[in-house]
Amino acid sequence: MKNFLINNFNKILLSIFTISLVFLGISFTIDGNAKQLIDDSFTQAIIVFGSAKALNAVISLAQGTELSLPFFVVAIGEVLDPVNDLVEQFSLVMLASMISLGIQKIFLNFVTNGIYNYILFFMVIVFNIWLYKRFKKDNKLRDIFFKVVFVLLFLRFAIPMISYVNDISYNYFVKEEYNIEKLNKSIVKVKDDVSRVNEDTLQAKTQSSIFDKIVEKFDKDYYSDKIEEYTKAVDNSSEYIIDLIIVFVFQTIFLPILFLFVLYWFVKSIFKMKNI
């Protein structure tokens, strides 16, 4: 018995490690928490995406607002063109972020599914039997089977951990400078401010008398004031949008891509291992 333990010490450790992992995967609450974190991130992304589309809508309305001066027409909305272009690009980023979160959720559902766990359990049992019991000319098949088991075990825990890494990195390293909730509230405020200026402009047009409209056509201060109102309404909006782009690209695009590189490195390393 003592000789067996000494001669098979590494295999015994490997058995303890793999069996512990598979039981941990079946019974641990990490899956429920990971799913909740992804759901929360997806909900948050939808809210921010909705705010961006609402801002895009009120800016588009403003871009259709025209004020006539003698000999030429002033399109007030032209002041908002750079912001609107940035909002449209931000909407694409948010769409990509939601797609990324959706894909993460699919992968998470896949590796936490009961079928996956039972298949993994069966393969780990076979792995441990094959670890000690050898068969004739089984070197190649045994080597491939062992490496596949390691990859499946890695995926079982690595994919749920992505949501934890996202949550920890955001709350401890990102949130203080790039708070999504505060930035979203700022975007909503910009939308409300632009909408208010739109309403004031349209209301002034409909309620002005003919004399007021004639006087207004020659009042340059009216146009400069109106442009200033729109400029103030979108003040700092570009900064808010860029900050949101940074945090969502980091969380939903950069970190998953980093995970793919880690996965690639791990799989490549596993398949370069010598026979156990």
C-alpha atoms as a PDB file:
ATOM      1  CA  MET A   1       0.000   0.000   0.000  1.00  0.00           C
ATOM      2  CA  LYS A   2       2.813   2.351   0.917  1.00  0.00           C
ATOM      3  CA  ASN A   3       4.617   1.592  -2.327  1.00  0.00           C
ATOM      4  CA  PHE A   4       1.397   2.171  -4.276  1.00  0.00           C
ATOM      5  CA  LEU A   5       0.947   5.609  -2.676  1.00  0.00           C
ATOM      6  CA  ILE A   6       4.527   6.569  -3.351  1.00  0.00           C
ATOM      7  CA  ASN A   7       4.537   5.336  -6.951  1.00  0.00           C
ATOM      8  CA  ASN A   8       1.165   6.887  -7.770  1.00  0.00           C
ATOM      9  CA  PHE A   9       1.302  10.041  -5.688  1.00  0.00           C
ATOM     10  CA  ASN A  10       0.804  12.397  -8.680  1.00  0.00           C
ATOM     11  CA  LYS A  11      -2.067  10.298 -10.010  1.00  0.00           C
ATOM     12  CA  ILE A  12      -3.773  10.289  -6.601  1.00  0.00           C
ATOM     13  CA  LEU A  13      -3.529  14.069  -6.436  1.00  0.00           C
ATOM     14  CA  LEU A  14      -4.961  14.279  -9.956  1.00  0.00           C
ATOM     15  CA  SER A  15      -7.841  12.006  -8.962  1.00  0.00           C
ATOM     16  CA  ILE A  16      -8.651  14.115  -5.902  1.00  0.00           C
ATOM     17  CA  PHE A  17      -8.452  17.286  -7.985  1.00  0.00           C
ATOM     18  CA  THR A  18     -10.714  16.128 -10.850  1.00  0.00           C
ATOM     19  CA  ILE A  19     -13.316  14.423  -8.648  1.00  0.00           C
ATOM     20  CA  SER A  20     -13.490  17.456  -6.347  1.00  0.00           C
ATOM     21  CA  LEU A  21     -13.990  19.753  -9.328  1.00  0.00           C
ATOM     22  CA  VAL A  22     -16.784  17.720 -10.859  1.00  0.00           C
ATOM     23  CA  PHE A  23     -18.678  17.525  -7.552  1.00  0.00           C
ATOM     24  CA  LEU A  24     -18.092  21.236  -7.055  1.00  0.00           C
ATOM     25  CA  GLY A  25     -19.509  21.894 -10.506  1.00  0.00           C
ATOM     26  CA  ILE A  26     -22.663  19.931  -9.749  1.00  0.00           C
ATOM     27  CA  SER A  27     -23.369  21.323  -6.295  1.00  0.00           C
ATOM     28  CA  PHE A  28     -21.850  24.818  -6.047  1.00  0.00           C
ATOM     29  CA  THR A  29     -24.014  27.968  -6.169  1.00  0.00           C
ATOM     30  CA  ILE A  30     -21.561  29.777  -8.431  1.00  0.00           C
ATOM     31  CA  ASP A  31     -23.834  29.158 -11.429  1.00  0.00           C
ATOM     32  CA  GLY A  32     -26.883  30.981 -10.064  1.00  0.00           C
ATOM     33  CA  ASN A  33     -24.829  34.000  -9.035  1.00  0.00           C
ATOM     34  CA  ALA A  34     -23.051  34.097 -12.398  1.00  0.00           C
ATOM     35  CA  LYS A  35     -26.364  34.016 -14.290  1.00  0.00           C
ATOM     36  CA  GLN A  36     -27.742  36.805 -12.105  1.00  0.00           C
ATOM     37  CA  LEU A  37     -24.668  38.962 -12.761  1.00  0.00           C
ATOM     38  CA  ILE A  38     -25.012  38.526 -16.531  1.00  0.00           C
ATOM     39  CA  ASP A  39     -28.760  39.238 -16.377  1.00  0.00           C
ATOM     40  CA  ASP A  40     -28.080  42.430 -14.394  1.00  0.00           C
ATOM     41  CA  SER A  41     -25.418  43.509 -16.905  1.00  0.00           C
ATOM     42  CA  PHE A  42     -27.769  42.800 -19.819  1.00  0.00           C
ATOM     43  CA  THR A  43     -30.593  44.784 -18.190  1.00  0.00           C
ATOM     44  CA  GLN A  44     -28.231  47.669 -17.532  1.00  0.00           C
ATOM     45  CA  ALA A  45     -27.040  47.602 -21.151  1.00  0.00           C
ATOM     46  CA  ILE A  46     -30.640  47.686 -22.419  1.00  0.00           C
ATOM     47  CA  ILE A  47     -31.415  50.717 -20.218  1.00  0.00           C
ATOM     48  CA  VAL A  48     -28.354  52.620 -21.469  1.00  0.00           C
ATOM     49  CA  PHE A  49     -29.115  51.619 -25.071  1.00  0.00           C
ATOM     50  CA  GLY A  50     -32.664  52.951 -24.638  1.00  0.00           C
ATOM     51  CA  SER A  51     -31.322  56.250 -23.286  1.00  0.00           C
ATOM     52  CA  ALA A  52     -28.977  56.570 -26.262  1.00  0.00           C
ATOM     53  CA  LYS A  53     -31.785  55.919 -28.764  1.00  0.00           C
ATOM     54  CA  ALA A  54     -34.030  58.440 -26.982  1.00  0.00           C
ATOM     55  CA  LEU A  55     -31.273  61.074 -27.180  1.00  0.00           C
ATOM     56  CA  ASN A  56     -30.797  60.233 -30.847  1.00  0.00           C
ATOM     57  CA  ALA A  57     -34.543  60.757 -31.417  1.00  0.00           C
ATOM     58  CA  VAL A  58     -34.727  64.226 -29.831  1.00  0.00           C
ATOM     59  CA  ILE A  59     -31.551  65.323 -31.632  1.00  0.00           C
ATOM     60  CA  SER A  60     -33.007  64.124 -34.937  1.00  0.00           C
ATOM     61  CA  LEU A  61     -36.106  66.192 -34.194  1.00  0.00           C
ATOM     62  CA  ALA A  62     -33.917  69.224 -33.490  1.00  0.00           C
ATOM     63  CA  GLN A  63     -32.062  68.689 -36.772  1.00  0.00           C
ATOM     64  CA  GLY A  64     -35.358  69.193 -38.594  1.00  0.00           C
ATOM     65  CA  THR A  65     -35.853  72.587 -36.935  1.00  0.00           C
ATOM     66  CA  GLU A  66     -35.171  75.468 -39.296  1.00  0.00           C
ATOM     67  CA  LEU A  67     -35.231  79.196 -38.555  1.00  0.00           C
ATOM     68  CA  SER A  68     -35.361  81.611 -41.488  1.00  0.00           C
ATOM     69  CA  LEU A  69     -33.137  84.656 -41.646  1.00  0.00           C
ATOM     70  CA  PRO A  70     -33.247  87.062 -44.569  1.00  0.00           C
ATOM     71  CA  PHE A  71     -31.538  85.529 -47.595  1.00  0.00           C
ATOM     72  CA  PHE A  72     -30.631  82.216 -45.899  1.00  0.00           C
ATOM     73  CA  VAL A  73     -31.947  79.498 -43.572  1.00  0.00           C
ATOM     74  CA  VAL A  74     -30.368  78.453 -40.270  1.00  0.00           C
ATOM     75  CA  ALA A  75     -30.695  74.737 -39.441  1.00  0.00           C
ATOM     76  CA  ILE A  76     -30.424  74.721 -35.664  1.00  0.00           C
ATOM     77  CA  GLY A  77     -29.896  70.981 -35.624  1.00  0.00           C
ATOM     78  CA  GLU A  78     -26.570  71.338 -37.431  1.00  0.00           C
ATOM     79  CA  VAL A  79     -25.080  72.378 -34.100  1.00  0.00           C
ATOM     80  CA  LEU A  80     -25.941  68.910 -32.819  1.00  0.00           C
ATOM     81  CA  ASP A  81     -24.503  66.917 -35.754  1.00  0.00           C
ATOM     82  CA  PRO A  82     -21.235  65.916 -33.992  1.00  0.00           C
ATOM     83  CA  VAL A  83     -23.125  64.767 -30.894  1.00  0.00           C
ATOM     84  CA  ASN A  84     -25.675  62.874 -32.963  1.00  0.00           C
ATOM     85  CA  ASP A  85     -22.924  61.097 -34.921  1.00  0.00           C
ATOM     86  CA  LEU A  86     -21.305  60.080 -31.636  1.00  0.00           C
ATOM     87  CA  VAL A  87     -24.655  58.857 -30.269  1.00  0.00           C
ATOM     88  CA  GLU A  88     -25.196  56.698 -33.360  1.00  0.00           C
ATOM     89  CA  GLN A  89     -21.722  55.164 -32.965  1.00  0.00           C
ATOM     90  CA  PHE A  90     -22.439  54.634 -29.269  1.00  0.00           C
ATOM     91  CA  SER A  91     -25.663  52.819 -30.178  1.00  0.00           C
ATOM     92  CA  LEU A  92     -23.613  50.394 -32.292  1.00  0.00           C
ATOM     93  CA  VAL A  93     -21.237  49.819 -29.364  1.00  0.00           C
ATOM     94  CA  MET A  94     -24.190  49.111 -27.068  1.00  0.00           C
ATOM     95  CA  LEU A  95     -25.656  46.721 -29.633  1.00  0.00           C
ATOM     96  CA  ALA A  96     -22.324  44.871 -29.797  1.00  0.00           C
ATOM     97  CA  SER A  97     -22.199  44.813 -25.973  1.00  0.00           C
ATOM     98  CA  MET A  98     -25.662  43.274 -25.713  1.00  0.00           C
ATOM     99  CA  ILE A  99     -24.751  40.674 -28.344  1.00  0.00           C
ATOM    100  CA  SER A 100     -21.605  39.831 -26.364  1.00  0.00           C
ATOM    101  CA  LEU A 101     -23.604  39.476 -23.137  1.00  0.00           C
ATOM    102  CA  GLY A 102     -26.165  37.326 -24.925  1.00  0.00           C
ATOM    103  CA  ILE A 103     -23.437  35.011 -26.229  1.00  0.00           C
ATOM    104  CA  GLN A 104     -21.905  34.792 -22.742  1.00  0.00           C
ATOM    105  CA  LYS A 105     -25.302  33.831 -21.366  1.00  0.00           C
ATOM    106  CA  ILE A 106     -25.694  31.079 -23.982  1.00  0.00           C
ATOM    107  CA  PHE A 107     -22.256  29.653 -23.135  1.00  0.00           C
ATOM    108  CA  LEU A 108     -23.057  29.886 -19.429  1.00  0.00           C
ATOM    109  CA  ASN A 109     -26.332  28.021 -19.917  1.00  0.00           C
ATOM    110  CA  PHE A 110     -24.453  25.403 -21.918  1.00  0.00           C
ATOM    111  CA  VAL A 111     -21.733  24.617 -19.336  1.00  0.00           C
ATOM    112  CA  THR A 112     -24.120  24.785 -16.365  1.00  0.00           C
ATOM    113  CA  ASN A 113     -26.717  22.534 -17.976  1.00  0.00           C
ATOM    114  CA  GLY A 114     -27.422  19.236 -16.234  1.00  0.00           C
ATOM    115  CA  ILE A 115     -26.554  17.226 -19.349  1.00  0.00           C
ATOM    116  CA  TYR A 116     -23.107  18.864 -19.537  1.00  0.00           C
ATOM    117  CA  ASN A 117     -22.514  18.163 -15.838  1.00  0.00           C
ATOM    118  CA  TYR A 118     -23.526  14.506 -16.106  1.00  0.00           C
ATOM    119  CA  ILE A 119     -21.404  13.970 -19.214  1.00  0.00           C
ATOM    120  CA  LEU A 120     -18.491  15.632 -17.423  1.00  0.00           C
ATOM    121  CA  PHE A 121     -19.092  13.435 -14.359  1.00  0.00           C
ATOM    122  CA  PHE A 122     -19.063  10.290 -16.505  1.00  0.00           C
ATOM    123  CA  MET A 123     -15.894  11.388 -18.323  1.00  0.00           C
ATOM    124  CA  VAL A 124     -14.108  12.161 -15.040  1.00  0.00           C
ATOM    125  CA  ILE A 125     -14.997   8.660 -13.733  1.00  0.00           C
ATOM    126  CA  VAL A 126     -13.615   7.102 -16.936  1.00  0.00           C
ATOM    127  CA  PHE A 127     -10.601   9.393 -16.646  1.00  0.00           C
ATOM    128  CA  ASN A 128      -9.816   8.134 -13.149  1.00  0.00           C
ATOM    129  CA  ILE A 129     -10.277   4.484 -14.101  1.00  0.00           C
ATOM    130  CA  TRP A 130      -8.074   4.961 -17.132  1.00  0.00           C
ATOM    131  CA  LEU A 131      -5.543   6.776 -14.975  1.00  0.00           C
ATOM    132  CA  TYR A 132      -4.659   3.538 -13.182  1.00  0.00           C
ATOM    133  CA  LYS A 133      -5.862   0.832 -15.556  1.00  0.00           C
ATOM    134  CA  ARG A 134      -4.037   0.683 -18.883  1.00  0.00           C
ATOM    135  CA  PHE A 135      -5.116  -1.122 -22.042  1.00  0.00           C
ATOM    136  CA  LYS A 136      -3.206  -2.444 -24.986  1.00  0.00           C
ATOM    137  CA  LYS A 137      -2.119   0.258 -27.459  1.00  0.00           C
ATOM    138  CA  ASP A 138      -4.208   2.964 -25.737  1.00  0.00           C
ATOM    139  CA  ASN A 139      -1.546   5.671 -25.619  1.00  0.00           C
ATOM    140  CA  LYS A 140      -2.906   7.956 -28.331  1.00  0.00           C
ATOM    141  CA  LEU A 141      -6.600   7.624 -27.488  1.00  0.00           C
ATOM    142  CA  ARG A 142      -5.908   7.937 -23.750  1.00  0.00           C
ATOM    143  CA  ASP A 143      -3.844  11.053 -24.290  1.00  0.00           C
ATOM    144  CA  ILE A 144      -6.573  12.756 -26.361  1.00  0.00           C
ATOM    145  CA  PHE A 145      -9.314  11.743 -23.909  1.00  0.00           C
ATOM    146  CA  PHE A 146      -7.405  13.127 -20.913  1.00  0.00           C
ATOM    147  CA  LYS A 147      -6.793  16.447 -22.627  1.00  0.00           C
ATOM    148  CA  VAL A 148     -10.464  16.787 -23.612  1.00  0.00           C
ATOM    149  CA  VAL A 149     -11.478  16.166 -19.982  1.00  0.00           C
ATOM    150  CA  PHE A 150      -9.152  18.946 -18.826  1.00  0.00           C
ATOM    151  CA  VAL A 151     -10.566  21.367 -21.410  1.00  0.00           C
ATOM    152  CA  LEU A 152     -14.163  20.562 -20.406  1.00  0.00           C
ATOM    153  CA  LEU A 153     -13.318  21.041 -16.725  1.00  0.00           C
ATOM    154  CA  PHE A 154     -11.675  24.363 -17.532  1.00  0.00           C
ATOM    155  CA  LEU A 155     -14.723  25.573 -19.483  1.00  0.00           C
ATOM    156  CA  ARG A 156     -17.058  24.435 -16.711  1.00  0.00           C
ATOM    157  CA  PHE A 157     -15.541  26.922 -14.278  1.00  0.00           C
ATOM    158  CA  ALA A 158     -13.903  29.517 -16.512  1.00  0.00           C
ATOM    159  CA  ILE A 159     -17.095  30.638 -18.288  1.00  0.00           C
ATOM    160  CA  PRO A 160     -19.052  31.344 -15.066  1.00  0.00           C
ATOM    161  CA  MET A 161     -15.979  33.145 -13.734  1.00  0.00           C
ATOM    162  CA  ILE A 162     -16.135  35.700 -16.585  1.00  0.00           C
ATOM    163  CA  SER A 163     -19.190  37.310 -14.982  1.00  0.00           C
ATOM    164  CA  TYR A 164     -17.402  37.438 -11.620  1.00  0.00           C
ATOM    165  CA  VAL A 165     -14.307  38.990 -13.206  1.00  0.00           C
ATOM    166  CA  ASN A 166     -16.511  41.603 -14.918  1.00  0.00           C
ATOM    167  CA  ASP A 167     -18.320  42.388 -11.681  1.00  0.00           C
ATOM    168  CA  ILE A 168     -15.169  42.627  -9.548  1.00  0.00           C
ATOM    169  CA  SER A 169     -13.236  44.685 -12.105  1.00  0.00           C
ATOM    170  CA  TYR A 170     -16.151  47.118 -12.467  1.00  0.00           C
ATOM    171  CA  ASN A 171     -16.951  47.555  -8.765  1.00  0.00           C
ATOM    172  CA  TYR A 172     -13.366  47.804  -7.522  1.00  0.00           C
ATOM    173  CA  PHE A 173     -11.438  49.356 -10.419  1.00  0.00           C
ATOM    174  CA  VAL A 174     -13.838  51.041 -12.836  1.00  0.00           C
ATOM    175  CA  LYS A 175     -16.983  52.237 -11.053  1.00  0.00           C
ATOM    176  CA  GLU A 176     -15.381  55.108  -9.166  1.00  0.00           C
ATOM    177  CA  GLU A 177     -14.395  56.877 -12.380  1.00  0.00           C
ATOM    178  CA  TYR A 178     -16.900  55.383 -14.836  1.00  0.00           C
ATOM    179  CA  ASN A 179     -20.158  54.908 -12.958  1.00  0.00           C
ATOM    180  CA  ILE A 180     -22.674  53.571 -15.481  1.00  0.00           C
ATOM    181  CA  GLU A 181     -25.762  54.604 -13.500  1.00  0.00           C
ATOM    182  CA  LYS A 182     -24.561  58.199 -13.045  1.00  0.00           C
ATOM    183  CA  LEU A 183     -23.447  58.475 -16.664  1.00  0.00           C
ATOM    184  CA  ASN A 184     -26.808  57.140 -17.858  1.00  0.00           C
ATOM    185  CA  LYS A 185     -28.635  59.707 -15.705  1.00  0.00           C
ATOM    186  CA  SER A 186     -26.477  62.411 -17.307  1.00  0.00           C
ATOM    187  CA  ILE A 187     -27.429  61.160 -20.780  1.00  0.00           C
ATOM    188  CA  VAL A 188     -31.121  61.190 -19.801  1.00  0.00           C
ATOM    189  CA  LYS A 189     -30.732  64.772 -18.533  1.00  0.00           C
ATOM    190  CA  VAL A 190     -29.166  65.832 -21.851  1.00  0.00           C
ATOM    191  CA  LYS A 191     -32.089  64.210 -23.672  1.00  0.00           C
ATOM    192  CA  ASP A 192     -34.593  66.053 -21.459  1.00  0.00           C
ATOM    193  CA  ASP A 193     -32.780  69.375 -21.968  1.00  0.00           C
ATOM    194  CA  VAL A 194     -32.714  69.015 -25.772  1.00  0.00           C
ATOM    195  CA  SER A 195     -36.361  67.947 -25.749  1.00  0.00           C
ATOM    196  CA  ARG A 196     -37.286  71.011 -23.677  1.00  0.00           C
ATOM    197  CA  VAL A 197     -35.520  73.346 -26.129  1.00  0.00           C
ATOM    198  CA  ASN A 198     -37.287  71.594 -29.009  1.00  0.00           C
ATOM    199  CA  GLU A 199     -40.661  72.119 -27.347  1.00  0.00           C
ATOM    200  CA  ASP A 200     -39.917  75.781 -26.588  1.00  0.00           C
ATOM    201  CA  THR A 201     -38.822  76.399 -30.179  1.00  0.00           C
ATOM    202  CA  LEU A 202     -41.861  74.718 -31.730  1.00  0.00           C
ATOM    203  CA  GLN A 203     -44.236  76.370 -29.266  1.00  0.00           C
ATOM    204  CA  ALA A 204     -42.756  79.806 -29.987  1.00  0.00           C
ATOM    205  CA  LYS A 205     -43.242  79.207 -33.695  1.00  0.00           C
ATOM    206  CA  THR A 206     -46.893  78.256 -33.387  1.00  0.00           C
ATOM    207  CA  GLN A 207     -47.855  80.968 -30.857  1.00  0.00           C
ATOM    208  CA  SER A 208     -46.012  83.939 -32.397  1.00  0.00           C
ATOM    209  CA  SER A 209     -48.096  86.601 -34.110  1.00  0.00           C
ATOM    210  CA  ILE A 210     -47.401  87.635 -37.700  1.00  0.00           C
ATOM    211  CA  PHE A 211     -45.724  90.837 -36.449  1.00  0.00           C
ATOM    212  CA  ASP A 212     -43.546  88.842 -34.014  1.00  0.00           C
ATOM    213  CA  LYS A 213     -42.507  86.494 -36.791  1.00  0.00           C
ATOM    214  CA  ILE A 214     -41.507  89.447 -39.023  1.00  0.00           C
ATOM    215  CA  VAL A 215     -39.507  91.038 -36.179  1.00  0.00           C
ATOM    216  CA  GLU A 216     -37.958  87.665 -35.302  1.00  0.00           C
ATOM    217  CA  LYS A 217     -36.636  87.271 -38.856  1.00  0.00           C
ATOM    218  CA  PHE A 218     -34.416  90.299 -38.383  1.00  0.00           C
ATOM    219  CA  ASP A 219     -33.441  89.586 -34.765  1.00  0.00           C
ATOM    220  CA  LYS A 220     -29.980  88.022 -34.922  1.00  0.00           C
ATOM    221  CA  ASP A 221     -29.869  87.749 -31.139  1.00  0.00           C
ATOM    222  CA  TYR A 222     -32.817  85.342 -31.265  1.00  0.00           C
ATOM    223  CA  TYR A 223     -30.874  82.925 -33.460  1.00  0.00           C
ATOM    224  CA  SER A 224     -27.645  83.193 -31.482  1.00  0.00           C
ATOM    225  CA  ASP A 225     -29.607  82.636 -28.241  1.00  0.00           C
ATOM    226  CA  LYS A 226     -31.368  79.619 -29.714  1.00  0.00           C
ATOM    227  CA  ILE A 227     -28.049  78.115 -30.842  1.00  0.00           C
ATOM    228  CA  GLU A 228     -26.634  78.777 -27.386  1.00  0.00           C
ATOM    229  CA  GLU A 229     -29.598  76.973 -25.803  1.00  0.00           C
ATOM    230  CA  TYR A 230     -28.917  73.857 -27.866  1.00  0.00           C
ATOM    231  CA  THR A 231     -25.190  74.111 -27.182  1.00  0.00           C
ATOM    232  CA  LYS A 232     -25.786  74.276 -23.434  1.00  0.00           C
ATOM    233  CA  ALA A 233     -28.281  71.406 -23.640  1.00  0.00           C
ATOM    234  CA  VAL A 234     -25.664  69.047 -25.078  1.00  0.00           C
ATOM    235  CA  ASP A 235     -22.814  70.416 -22.971  1.00  0.00           C
ATOM    236  CA  ASN A 236     -20.532  67.553 -21.741  1.00  0.00           C
ATOM    237  CA  SER A 237     -22.702  64.965 -23.499  1.00  0.00           C
ATOM    238  CA  SER A 238     -19.751  63.801 -25.618  1.00  0.00           C
ATOM    239  CA  GLU A 239     -17.746  63.179 -22.452  1.00  0.00           C
ATOM    240  CA  TYR A 240     -20.576  61.107 -20.944  1.00  0.00           C
ATOM    241  CA  ILE A 241     -20.957  59.040 -24.100  1.00  0.00           C
ATOM    242  CA  ILE A 242     -17.215  58.398 -24.474  1.00  0.00           C
ATOM    243  CA  ASP A 243     -17.005  57.322 -20.819  1.00  0.00           C
ATOM    244  CA  LEU A 244     -19.857  54.868 -21.374  1.00  0.00           C
ATOM    245  CA  ILE A 245     -18.185  53.542 -24.523  1.00  0.00           C
ATOM    246  CA  ILE A 246     -14.979  52.947 -22.542  1.00  0.00           C
ATOM    247  CA  VAL A 247     -16.655  51.026 -19.715  1.00  0.00           C
ATOM    248  CA  PHE A 248     -18.876  48.869 -21.940  1.00  0.00           C
ATOM    249  CA  VAL A 249     -16.070  48.047 -24.394  1.00  0.00           C
ATOM    250  CA  PHE A 250     -13.849  47.095 -21.447  1.00  0.00           C
ATOM    251  CA  GLN A 251     -16.470  44.925 -19.744  1.00  0.00           C
ATOM    252  CA  THR A 252     -18.261  43.243 -22.601  1.00  0.00           C
ATOM    253  CA  ILE A 253     -15.683  43.175 -25.404  1.00  0.00           C
ATOM    254  CA  PHE A 254     -12.107  43.471 -24.067  1.00  0.00           C
ATOM    255  CA  LEU A 255     -12.460  41.039 -21.127  1.00  0.00           C
ATOM    256  CA  PRO A 256     -14.235  38.314 -23.176  1.00  0.00           C
ATOM    257  CA  ILE A 257     -11.562  38.622 -25.888  1.00  0.00           C
ATOM    258  CA  LEU A 258      -8.900  38.346 -23.186  1.00  0.00           C
ATOM    259  CA  PHE A 259     -10.669  35.211 -21.937  1.00  0.00           C
ATOM    260  CA  LEU A 260     -10.574  33.741 -25.452  1.00  0.00           C
ATOM    261  CA  PHE A 261      -6.816  34.305 -25.572  1.00  0.00           C
ATOM    262  CA  VAL A 262      -6.448  32.618 -22.174  1.00  0.00           C
ATOM    263  CA  LEU A 263      -8.614  29.729 -23.393  1.00  0.00           C
ATOM    264  CA  TYR A 264      -6.544  29.424 -26.559  1.00  0.00           C
ATOM    265  CA  TRP A 265      -3.319  29.416 -24.530  1.00  0.00           C
ATOM    266  CA  PHE A 266      -4.726  26.843 -22.096  1.00  0.00           C
ATOM    267  CA  VAL A 267      -5.957  24.471 -24.812  1.00  0.00           C
ATOM    268  CA  LYS A 268      -2.695  24.851 -26.708  1.00  0.00           C
ATOM    269  CA  SER A 269      -0.710  24.101 -23.530  1.00  0.00           C
ATOM    270  CA  ILE A 270      -2.885  21.097 -22.674  1.00  0.00           C
ATOM    271  CA  PHE A 271      -2.416  19.530 -26.090  1.00  0.00           C
ATOM    272  CA  LYS A 272       1.343  20.021 -25.854  1.00  0.00           C
ATOM    273  CA  MET A 273       1.508  18.075 -22.613  1.00  0.00           C
ATOM    274  CA  LYS A 274       3.196  14.717 -22.586  1.00  0.00           C
ATOM    275  CA  ASN A 275       1.326  11.572 -21.666  1.00  0.00           C
ATOM    276  CA  ILE A 276       0.234  11.306 -18.038  1.00  0.00           C
END
